[in-house]
Amino acid sequence: MDTTKIIEALIAASPKTKQEVADHLSGKKLLADTYPLLTIPEVAEKTGLSAASVRLAMKKKKLPFIRPTGGQRYVRHKDFLDWLQNEEVN
């Protein structure tokens, strides 16, 4: 997967300052540290749900996700934690 496309998609999905991007490109701070991403199988493993249940939560817009290159869906770690809190309450 092309790292540049992923970086551009992450910036477009949640704009960051030019300095943060410069830090990433220089190796000082990786955007992956700022935006830890989880795959559907990882979310399923962490929750004990099936991958189909995770996809259904995404389809119903309960679990936010991004598609950096239009393919595989990823969940930001912060969105995952927020979703877990909300699901426990409901």
Protein backbone atom coordinates (compact mmCIF):
# COMPACT_ATOMS: atom_id res chain seq x y z
CA MET A 1 0.00 0.00 0.00
CA ASP A 2 1.30 3.43 -0.93
CA THR A 3 2.25 5.29 2.26
CA THR A 4 1.80 8.69 0.61
CA LYS A 5 -1.83 7.89 -0.29
CA ILE A 6 -2.54 6.77 3.27
CA ILE A 7 -1.00 9.93 4.70
CA GLU A 8 -2.98 12.12 2.30
CA ALA A 9 -6.21 10.30 3.14
CA LEU A 10 -5.62 10.61 6.88
CA ILE A 11 -4.90 14.33 6.55
CA ALA A 12 -8.04 14.78 4.44
CA ALA A 13 -10.15 12.79 6.92
CA SER A 14 -8.89 14.76 9.90
CA PRO A 15 -6.78 17.79 8.96
CA LYS A 16 -3.49 18.17 10.83
CA THR A 17 -1.04 21.00 10.86
CA LYS A 18 1.77 21.22 8.35
CA GLN A 19 4.23 20.81 11.22
CA GLU A 20 2.78 17.42 12.20
CA VAL A 21 3.04 16.24 8.61
CA ALA A 22 6.61 17.56 8.42
CA ASP A 23 7.42 15.72 11.66
CA HIS A 24 6.02 12.53 10.18
CA LEU A 25 7.98 12.86 6.97
CA SER A 26 11.19 13.60 8.86
CA GLY A 27 10.62 10.59 11.12
CA LYS A 28 10.28 12.63 14.33
CA LYS A 29 6.71 11.55 14.94
CA LEU A 30 4.76 9.05 12.89
CA LEU A 31 1.15 9.76 11.98
CA ALA A 32 0.48 6.18 13.02
CA ASP A 33 1.25 7.35 16.57
CA THR A 34 -1.33 10.09 16.15
CA TYR A 35 -3.82 7.88 14.31
CA PRO A 36 -3.53 4.28 15.47
CA LEU A 37 -5.78 2.29 13.14
CA LEU A 38 -7.55 -1.01 13.72
CA THR A 39 -8.75 -3.44 11.06
CA ILE A 40 -12.13 -5.19 11.20
CA PRO A 41 -10.55 -8.45 12.45
CA GLU A 42 -8.69 -6.52 15.16
CA VAL A 43 -11.91 -4.82 16.33
CA ALA A 44 -13.66 -8.20 16.31
CA GLU A 45 -10.87 -9.81 18.33
CA LYS A 46 -10.80 -7.01 20.91
CA THR A 47 -14.59 -7.06 21.39
CA GLY A 48 -15.37 -10.75 21.00
CA LEU A 49 -17.79 -9.88 18.19
CA SER A 50 -17.78 -11.50 14.79
CA ALA A 51 -16.34 -9.60 11.84
CA ALA A 52 -19.87 -9.55 10.39
CA SER A 53 -21.17 -7.79 13.53
CA VAL A 54 -18.41 -5.20 13.28
CA ARG A 55 -19.27 -4.59 9.61
CA LEU A 56 -22.94 -4.25 10.54
CA ALA A 57 -22.09 -1.62 13.18
CA MET A 58 -20.15 0.23 10.49
CA LYS A 59 -23.02 -0.07 8.01
CA LYS A 60 -25.48 1.31 10.59
CA LYS A 61 -23.00 4.17 11.18
CA LYS A 62 -22.58 3.24 14.85
CA LEU A 63 -18.86 2.58 14.44
CA PRO A 64 -17.02 5.29 12.46
CA PHE A 65 -14.42 4.13 9.97
CA ILE A 66 -12.18 5.45 7.23
CA ARG A 67 -11.13 4.04 3.88
CA PRO A 68 -7.78 5.70 3.10
CA THR A 69 -7.47 4.18 -0.36
CA GLY A 70 -11.10 3.25 -0.98
CA GLY A 71 -10.49 -0.38 -0.04
CA GLN A 72 -10.15 -1.85 3.42
CA ARG A 73 -11.94 -0.11 6.27
CA TYR A 74 -10.01 1.05 9.32
CA VAL A 75 -11.20 2.30 12.71
CA ARG A 76 -9.27 4.97 14.56
CA HIS A 77 -8.39 3.82 18.07
CA LYS A 78 -10.12 6.83 19.65
CA ASP A 79 -13.33 6.13 17.67
CA PHE A 80 -13.12 2.50 18.79
CA LEU A 81 -12.89 3.49 22.47
CA ASP A 82 -15.74 6.01 22.11
CA TRP A 83 -17.87 3.34 20.42
CA LEU A 84 -17.16 0.87 23.23
CA GLN A 85 -18.24 3.40 25.85
CA ASN A 86 -21.44 4.23 23.99
CA GLU A 87 -22.28 0.58 23.37
CA GLU A 88 -21.87 -0.25 27.06
CA VAL A 89 -24.34 2.47 28.02
CA ASN A 90 -26.97 1.54 25.41
